[in-house]
Amino acid sequence: MIRYSLVCAGGHEFDGWFSSSDAFEAQSRDGDVICPHCGSAEVSKALMAPNVATSKAAADADPASPEMREVARKVREHVEQTADYVGDRFAEEARKIHYEEVEPRGIYGEATPSEAVELKEEGVAFHPLPPSPKDQN
């Protein structure tokens, strides 16, 4: 996994994790890299200082360490076990819950980048799930 410092057209800085440099480029080109602050899909890599470390320090500082992957796996597993999978109807179902048209419940699914921007603009609370290990194979 590669961590990039990113910046959107609005100047918001945030981090993004990608399986490779090519993965970042492809997701960015497709508009799939979205600023979590304003929803802008106009995102680029920010300047970063190189991280040079000894093998022990690198292992200790590795954000994709086995421990971090295990925590991410547990978070995803908990959501999958306790929430309803709504597939590509995520935005629609999230709005129904937000506007109290249905009983509140935990849901997860997929949303397009434009749907994510619209949900954020409407004040609908949501968070991306950590990637599944099978997504990275």
Protein backbone atom coordinates (compact mmCIF):
# COMPACT_ATOMS: atom_id res chain seq x y z
CA MET A 1 0.00 0.00 0.00
CA ILE A 2 1.14 3.53 -0.77
CA ARG A 3 0.07 6.58 1.23
CA TYR A 4 -0.13 9.82 -0.69
CA SER A 5 -0.66 13.28 0.73
CA LEU A 6 -3.39 14.72 -1.48
CA VAL A 7 -4.81 18.18 -2.06
CA CYS A 8 -8.06 19.17 -3.77
CA ALA A 9 -8.73 22.20 -5.96
CA GLY A 10 -10.17 23.91 -2.85
CA GLY A 11 -6.87 23.53 -1.01
CA HIS A 12 -8.02 20.84 1.44
CA GLU A 13 -5.25 18.41 2.36
CA PHE A 14 -5.89 14.76 3.18
CA ASP A 15 -4.26 11.34 2.87
CA GLY A 16 -5.17 8.54 0.49
CA TRP A 17 -4.10 4.89 0.42
CA PHE A 18 -3.59 3.08 -2.87
CA SER A 19 -2.35 -0.35 -3.86
CA SER A 20 0.06 1.22 -6.37
CA SER A 21 0.92 4.46 -8.15
CA ASP A 22 -1.01 3.19 -11.18
CA ALA A 23 -4.05 2.59 -8.96
CA PHE A 24 -3.98 6.22 -7.82
CA GLU A 25 -3.63 7.45 -11.41
CA ALA A 26 -6.53 5.28 -12.64
CA GLN A 27 -8.84 6.23 -9.76
CA SER A 28 -7.97 9.90 -10.11
CA ARG A 29 -8.56 9.84 -13.87
CA ASP A 30 -11.96 8.14 -13.32
CA GLY A 31 -13.01 10.74 -10.72
CA ASP A 32 -12.99 8.17 -7.91
CA VAL A 33 -10.63 10.13 -5.64
CA ILE A 34 -12.85 12.55 -3.74
CA CYS A 35 -11.96 15.22 -1.18
CA PRO A 36 -13.61 14.24 2.12
CA HIS A 37 -13.97 17.91 3.07
CA CYS A 38 -15.73 19.38 0.01
CA GLY A 39 -16.41 16.45 -2.33
CA SER A 40 -14.21 17.78 -5.13
CA ALA A 41 -12.93 15.14 -7.56
CA GLU A 42 -10.19 17.53 -8.72
CA VAL A 43 -7.46 15.99 -6.55
CA SER A 44 -3.70 15.84 -7.00
CA LYS A 45 -0.71 14.58 -5.04
CA ALA A 46 0.76 17.12 -2.62
CA LEU A 47 4.48 17.50 -2.11
CA MET A 48 5.77 14.90 0.32
CA ALA A 49 9.09 14.43 2.04
CA PRO A 50 10.52 10.96 1.46
CA ASN A 51 10.28 8.55 4.36
CA VAL A 52 13.60 6.75 4.66
CA ALA A 53 13.84 4.32 7.53
CA THR A 54 15.76 1.32 8.71
CA SER A 55 14.07 -2.03 8.28
CA LYS A 56 12.92 -2.09 11.94
CA ALA A 57 11.67 1.51 11.84
CA ALA A 58 9.97 0.84 8.51
CA ALA A 59 8.19 -2.18 9.94
CA ASP A 60 7.11 -0.19 13.01
CA ALA A 61 5.90 2.75 10.91
CA ASP A 62 4.23 0.71 8.15
CA PRO A 63 0.58 1.88 8.13
CA ALA A 64 -0.28 -1.28 6.22
CA SER A 65 1.27 -3.40 8.93
CA PRO A 66 -0.38 -6.70 9.81
CA GLU A 67 -1.89 -5.06 12.90
CA MET A 68 -3.46 -2.23 10.88
CA ARG A 69 -4.77 -4.65 8.26
CA GLU A 70 -6.29 -6.72 11.06
CA VAL A 71 -8.04 -3.68 12.56
CA ALA A 72 -9.38 -2.70 9.12
CA ARG A 73 -10.55 -6.28 8.54
CA LYS A 74 -12.38 -6.31 11.89
CA VAL A 75 -14.09 -2.97 11.19
CA ARG A 76 -15.29 -4.18 7.81
CA GLU A 77 -16.37 -7.55 9.21
CA HIS A 78 -18.36 -5.82 12.00
CA VAL A 79 -20.18 -3.60 9.50
CA GLU A 80 -20.92 -6.54 7.20
CA GLN A 81 -22.32 -8.54 10.14
CA THR A 82 -24.40 -5.77 11.72
CA ALA A 83 -25.60 -3.62 8.81
CA ASP A 84 -27.82 -4.23 5.78
CA TYR A 85 -26.12 -4.44 2.40
CA VAL A 86 -28.07 -2.21 -0.01
CA GLY A 87 -25.74 -2.42 -3.02
CA ASP A 88 -25.95 0.43 -5.50
CA ARG A 89 -29.03 1.80 -3.70
CA PHE A 90 -26.80 3.20 -0.94
CA ALA A 91 -27.45 6.88 -1.67
CA GLU A 92 -31.21 6.34 -1.93
CA GLU A 93 -31.39 4.34 1.32
CA ALA A 94 -29.09 6.77 3.18
CA ARG A 95 -31.39 9.66 2.23
CA LYS A 96 -34.49 7.77 3.41
CA ILE A 97 -32.82 7.23 6.78
CA HIS A 98 -31.53 10.81 6.98
CA TYR A 99 -34.94 12.31 6.16
CA GLU A 100 -36.64 9.87 8.57
CA GLU A 101 -38.72 8.22 5.85
CA VAL A 102 -37.74 4.81 7.23
CA GLU A 103 -36.55 3.50 10.59
CA PRO A 104 -32.85 4.18 11.23
CA ARG A 105 -30.55 1.21 10.64
CA GLY A 106 -26.98 0.54 9.68
CA ILE A 107 -26.44 0.15 5.94
CA TYR A 108 -23.52 -0.27 3.58
CA GLY A 109 -23.19 -0.44 -0.18
CA GLU A 110 -21.82 1.47 -3.12
CA ALA A 111 -22.22 5.08 -4.22
CA THR A 112 -20.83 6.87 -7.23
CA PRO A 113 -18.51 9.83 -6.63
CA SER A 114 -21.27 12.24 -7.64
CA GLU A 115 -23.72 10.54 -5.25
CA ALA A 116 -21.15 10.87 -2.45
CA VAL A 117 -20.80 14.61 -3.17
CA GLU A 118 -24.58 15.06 -3.15
CA LEU A 119 -24.97 13.15 0.13
CA LYS A 120 -22.27 15.28 1.74
CA GLU A 121 -23.92 18.49 0.49
CA GLU A 122 -27.23 17.33 1.98
CA GLY A 123 -25.60 16.64 5.34
CA VAL A 124 -26.10 12.89 5.17
CA ALA A 125 -23.47 11.23 7.39
CA PHE A 126 -21.54 8.35 5.84
CA HIS A 127 -18.03 6.90 5.87
CA PRO A 128 -16.13 4.68 3.44
CA LEU A 129 -15.40 1.15 4.58
CA PRO A 130 -11.82 -0.07 4.73
CA PRO A 131 -11.06 -2.13 1.62
CA SER A 132 -11.63 -5.84 1.81
CA PRO A 133 -8.47 -7.96 1.55
CA LYS A 134 -10.03 -9.62 -1.49
CA ASP A 135 -10.28 -6.15 -3.12
CA GLN A 136 -6.49 -5.92 -3.00
CA ASN A 137 -5.76 -9.22 -4.74
